[in-house]
């Protein structure tokens, strides 16, 4: 979709339920995304929220003080396609983190996310190795005899 086609959409997750009532909601007109985040984090860290624009683009940057428990940055490039931003940003990321740290571009367009309570079944859905046992890569587990 082009930015013009997206103008009628809003990307949003459902508000979180009472078990995480301390979570805060991020929503800004024109940003085209809404989400919830923990404040404080589960380990009790404060969340730094920075909404300074990036090269004139709307931006929000969230991080825990140690930048390990929570780190999220969203920038709305209203005049760039994901492919153009990827090609522009890839050399910087490769220089900073190493060429092997950059994956190929996957453009995913979701219009609504659903909150799932923390149950054993839902947590199992997030286990990438369990969900993709035959996949290779840095998260794969070596099998005995294989």
C-alpha atoms as a PDB file:
ATOM      1  CA  UNK A   1       0.000   0.000   0.000  1.00  0.00           C
ATOM      2  CA  UNK A   2       1.137   3.509  -0.674  1.00  0.00           C
ATOM      3  CA  UNK A   3       1.051   6.171   2.063  1.00  0.00           C
ATOM      4  CA  UNK A   4      -2.004   7.628   0.351  1.00  0.00           C
ATOM      5  CA  UNK A   5      -3.813   4.275   0.512  1.00  0.00           C
ATOM      6  CA  UNK A   6      -2.935   3.913   4.203  1.00  0.00           C
ATOM      7  CA  UNK A   7      -4.497   7.258   5.101  1.00  0.00           C
ATOM      8  CA  UNK A   8      -7.858   5.594   5.811  1.00  0.00           C
ATOM      9  CA  UNK A   9      -6.329   2.957   8.105  1.00  0.00           C
ATOM     10  CA  UNK A  10      -5.116   3.045  11.667  1.00  0.00           C
ATOM     11  CA  UNK A  11      -2.841   0.368  13.104  1.00  0.00           C
ATOM     12  CA  UNK A  12      -3.897  -0.430  16.646  1.00  0.00           C
ATOM     13  CA  UNK A  13      -3.762  -3.095  19.276  1.00  0.00           C
ATOM     14  CA  UNK A  14      -6.714  -3.586  21.548  1.00  0.00           C
ATOM     15  CA  UNK A  15      -6.369  -1.818  24.911  1.00  0.00           C
ATOM     16  CA  UNK A  16      -4.748  -4.127  27.409  1.00  0.00           C
ATOM     17  CA  UNK A  17      -6.881  -5.859  29.997  1.00  0.00           C
ATOM     18  CA  UNK A  18      -6.960  -5.301  33.755  1.00  0.00           C
ATOM     19  CA  UNK A  19      -4.098  -7.693  34.563  1.00  0.00           C
ATOM     20  CA  UNK A  20      -1.729  -5.140  33.042  1.00  0.00           C
ATOM     21  CA  UNK A  21      -3.661  -2.034  34.035  1.00  0.00           C
ATOM     22  CA  UNK A  22      -0.430  -0.160  34.731  1.00  0.00           C
ATOM     23  CA  UNK A  23       0.306  -0.174  31.014  1.00  0.00           C
ATOM     24  CA  UNK A  24       0.169   3.143  29.219  1.00  0.00           C
ATOM     25  CA  UNK A  25      -1.356   3.822  25.833  1.00  0.00           C
ATOM     26  CA  UNK A  26       0.415   5.584  22.978  1.00  0.00           C
ATOM     27  CA  UNK A  27      -1.885   7.223  20.421  1.00  0.00           C
ATOM     28  CA  UNK A  28      -1.308  10.342  18.358  1.00  0.00           C
ATOM     29  CA  UNK A  29      -3.493  11.822  15.609  1.00  0.00           C
ATOM     30  CA  UNK A  30      -1.907  11.326  12.212  1.00  0.00           C
ATOM     31  CA  UNK A  31       0.629   8.759  13.445  1.00  0.00           C
ATOM     32  CA  UNK A  32      -1.445   5.779  12.207  1.00  0.00           C
ATOM     33  CA  UNK A  33      -0.413   3.516  15.074  1.00  0.00           C
ATOM     34  CA  UNK A  34      -1.569   2.898  18.646  1.00  0.00           C
ATOM     35  CA  UNK A  35      -0.074   0.517  21.177  1.00  0.00           C
ATOM     36  CA  UNK A  36       0.252  -0.164  24.895  1.00  0.00           C
ATOM     37  CA  UNK A  37       3.460  -0.521  26.876  1.00  0.00           C
ATOM     38  CA  UNK A  38       4.336  -1.306  30.511  1.00  0.00           C
ATOM     39  CA  UNK A  39       5.038   1.589  32.885  1.00  0.00           C
ATOM     40  CA  UNK A  40       6.973   0.634  34.899  1.00  0.00           C
ATOM     41  CA  UNK A  41       8.462  -2.448  33.223  1.00  0.00           C
ATOM     42  CA  UNK A  42       7.867  -5.875  34.815  1.00  0.00           C
ATOM     43  CA  UNK A  43      11.259  -5.519  36.554  1.00  0.00           C
ATOM     44  CA  UNK A  44      10.256  -2.106  37.914  1.00  0.00           C
ATOM     45  CA  UNK A  45      12.293   0.132  35.603  1.00  0.00           C
ATOM     46  CA  UNK A  46      10.992   3.507  34.542  1.00  0.00           C
ATOM     47  CA  UNK A  47      10.294   3.948  30.839  1.00  0.00           C
ATOM     48  CA  UNK A  48      11.921   6.843  28.993  1.00  0.00           C
ATOM     49  CA  UNK A  49       9.599   8.169  26.285  1.00  0.00           C
ATOM     50  CA  UNK A  50      11.094  10.443  23.637  1.00  0.00           C
ATOM     51  CA  UNK A  51       8.860  11.950  20.935  1.00  0.00           C
ATOM     52  CA  UNK A  52      11.448  14.183  19.241  1.00  0.00           C
ATOM     53  CA  UNK A  53      11.009  14.050  15.489  1.00  0.00           C
ATOM     54  CA  UNK A  54      13.558  12.238  13.344  1.00  0.00           C
ATOM     55  CA  UNK A  55      14.610  14.170  10.218  1.00  0.00           C
ATOM     56  CA  UNK A  56      11.198  15.881  10.309  1.00  0.00           C
ATOM     57  CA  UNK A  57       9.242  12.622  10.629  1.00  0.00           C
ATOM     58  CA  UNK A  58       6.908  11.777  13.525  1.00  0.00           C
ATOM     59  CA  UNK A  59       8.678   9.449  15.964  1.00  0.00           C
ATOM     60  CA  UNK A  60       8.297   7.804  19.353  1.00  0.00           C
ATOM     61  CA  UNK A  61      11.148   6.055  21.146  1.00  0.00           C
ATOM     62  CA  UNK A  62      10.538   4.011  24.310  1.00  0.00           C
ATOM     63  CA  UNK A  63      13.243   2.361  26.381  1.00  0.00           C
ATOM     64  CA  UNK A  64      13.857   1.047  29.851  1.00  0.00           C
ATOM     65  CA  UNK A  65      16.775   2.694  31.614  1.00  0.00           C
ATOM     66  CA  UNK A  66      19.023  -0.283  30.832  1.00  0.00           C
ATOM     67  CA  UNK A  67      17.713  -0.416  27.222  1.00  0.00           C
ATOM     68  CA  UNK A  68      17.460  -4.207  27.534  1.00  0.00           C
ATOM     69  CA  UNK A  69      14.076  -4.841  29.080  1.00  0.00           C
ATOM     70  CA  UNK A  70      12.193  -2.496  26.759  1.00  0.00           C
ATOM     71  CA  UNK A  71      13.309  -0.883  23.518  1.00  0.00           C
ATOM     72  CA  UNK A  72      10.953   0.300  20.804  1.00  0.00           C
ATOM     73  CA  UNK A  73      11.301   2.970  18.168  1.00  0.00           C
ATOM     74  CA  UNK A  74       8.624   3.811  15.613  1.00  0.00           C
ATOM     75  CA  UNK A  75       9.069   6.433  12.898  1.00  0.00           C
ATOM     76  CA  UNK A  76       6.372   7.343  10.399  1.00  0.00           C
ATOM     77  CA  UNK A  77       8.011   7.900   7.028  1.00  0.00           C
ATOM     78  CA  UNK A  78       4.992   9.356   5.251  1.00  0.00           C
ATOM     79  CA  UNK A  79       6.778   9.815   1.934  1.00  0.00           C
ATOM     80  CA  UNK A  80       9.005   6.708   1.821  1.00  0.00           C
ATOM     81  CA  UNK A  81       8.130   3.141   0.944  1.00  0.00           C
ATOM     82  CA  UNK A  82       9.419   0.427   3.303  1.00  0.00           C
ATOM     83  CA  UNK A  83      11.726  -0.722   0.502  1.00  0.00           C
ATOM     84  CA  UNK A  84      13.278   2.752   0.104  1.00  0.00           C
ATOM     85  CA  UNK A  85      13.815   3.151   3.850  1.00  0.00           C
ATOM     86  CA  UNK A  86      15.342  -0.331   4.075  1.00  0.00           C
ATOM     87  CA  UNK A  87      17.822   0.420   1.262  1.00  0.00           C
ATOM     88  CA  UNK A  88      18.672   3.781   2.833  1.00  0.00           C
ATOM     89  CA  UNK A  89      19.109   2.505   6.417  1.00  0.00           C
ATOM     90  CA  UNK A  90      20.716  -0.897   5.715  1.00  0.00           C
ATOM     91  CA  UNK A  91      24.329   0.351   5.189  1.00  0.00           C
ATOM     92  CA  UNK A  92      24.264   2.247   8.506  1.00  0.00           C
ATOM     93  CA  UNK A  93      22.956  -0.785  10.403  1.00  0.00           C
ATOM     94  CA  UNK A  94      25.485  -3.096   8.751  1.00  0.00           C
ATOM     95  CA  UNK A  95      28.312  -0.734   9.710  1.00  0.00           C
ATOM     96  CA  UNK A  96      27.068  -0.398  13.285  1.00  0.00           C
ATOM     97  CA  UNK A  97      26.061  -4.011  14.033  1.00  0.00           C
ATOM     98  CA  UNK A  98      27.796  -6.061  11.318  1.00  0.00           C
ATOM     99  CA  UNK A  99      26.581  -7.268   7.943  1.00  0.00           C
ATOM    100  CA  UNK A 100      25.287 -10.552   9.422  1.00  0.00           C
ATOM    101  CA  UNK A 101      22.913  -8.635  11.696  1.00  0.00           C
ATOM    102  CA  UNK A 102      20.745  -7.417   8.797  1.00  0.00           C
ATOM    103  CA  UNK A 103      17.996  -9.652   7.491  1.00  0.00           C
ATOM    104  CA  UNK A 104      16.126  -9.285   4.254  1.00  0.00           C
ATOM    105  CA  UNK A 105      13.169  -6.927   4.235  1.00  0.00           C
ATOM    106  CA  UNK A 106       9.784  -8.343   5.146  1.00  0.00           C
ATOM    107  CA  UNK A 107       6.908  -5.928   4.755  1.00  0.00           C
ATOM    108  CA  UNK A 108       4.019  -6.927   6.992  1.00  0.00           C
ATOM    109  CA  UNK A 109       0.858  -4.905   7.053  1.00  0.00           C
ATOM    110  CA  UNK A 110      -1.459  -5.554   9.975  1.00  0.00           C
ATOM    111  CA  UNK A 111      -4.444  -3.397  10.696  1.00  0.00           C
ATOM    112  CA  UNK A 112      -5.407  -4.810  14.098  1.00  0.00           C
ATOM    113  CA  UNK A 113      -3.596  -6.741  16.796  1.00  0.00           C
ATOM    114  CA  UNK A 114      -5.351  -8.686  19.512  1.00  0.00           C
ATOM    115  CA  UNK A 115      -4.290  -8.795  23.156  1.00  0.00           C
ATOM    116  CA  UNK A 116      -3.858 -12.365  24.386  1.00  0.00           C
ATOM    117  CA  UNK A 117      -3.748 -13.023  28.133  1.00  0.00           C
ATOM    118  CA  UNK A 118      -0.561 -14.620  29.455  1.00  0.00           C
ATOM    119  CA  UNK A 119      -1.507 -18.288  29.516  1.00  0.00           C
ATOM    120  CA  UNK A 120       0.777 -21.279  28.958  1.00  0.00           C
ATOM    121  CA  UNK A 121      -0.832 -21.886  25.559  1.00  0.00           C
ATOM    122  CA  UNK A 122      -0.380 -18.271  24.425  1.00  0.00           C
ATOM    123  CA  UNK A 123       3.217 -18.119  25.665  1.00  0.00           C
ATOM    124  CA  UNK A 124       3.924 -21.321  23.704  1.00  0.00           C
ATOM    125  CA  UNK A 125       2.767 -19.512  20.563  1.00  0.00           C
ATOM    126  CA  UNK A 126       5.666 -17.067  20.983  1.00  0.00           C
ATOM    127  CA  UNK A 127       8.335 -19.811  21.117  1.00  0.00           C
ATOM    128  CA  UNK A 128       9.888 -19.495  17.661  1.00  0.00           C
ATOM    129  CA  UNK A 129      11.765 -22.792  17.923  1.00  0.00           C
ATOM    130  CA  UNK A 130       8.631 -24.694  18.942  1.00  0.00           C
ATOM    131  CA  UNK A 131       6.572 -23.070  16.193  1.00  0.00           C
ATOM    132  CA  UNK A 132       9.215 -23.676  13.501  1.00  0.00           C
ATOM    133  CA  UNK A 133      11.128 -26.809  14.598  1.00  0.00           C
ATOM    134  CA  UNK A 134      12.702 -27.437  11.181  1.00  0.00           C
ATOM    135  CA  UNK A 135      13.916 -23.887  10.577  1.00  0.00           C
ATOM    136  CA  UNK A 136      17.604 -23.056  10.720  1.00  0.00           C
ATOM    137  CA  UNK A 137      19.197 -19.902  11.990  1.00  0.00           C
ATOM    138  CA  UNK A 138      20.485 -18.420  15.230  1.00  0.00           C
ATOM    139  CA  UNK A 139      17.516 -19.626  17.305  1.00  0.00           C
ATOM    140  CA  UNK A 140      17.517 -23.239  16.098  1.00  0.00           C
ATOM    141  CA  UNK A 141      18.430 -25.956  18.545  1.00  0.00           C
ATOM    142  CA  UNK A 142      20.955 -28.649  17.639  1.00  0.00           C
ATOM    143  CA  UNK A 143      19.284 -32.035  17.721  1.00  0.00           C
ATOM    144  CA  UNK A 144      20.988 -35.098  19.140  1.00  0.00           C
ATOM    145  CA  UNK A 145      22.442 -37.194  16.322  1.00  0.00           C
ATOM    146  CA  UNK A 146      21.586 -34.563  13.701  1.00  0.00           C
END
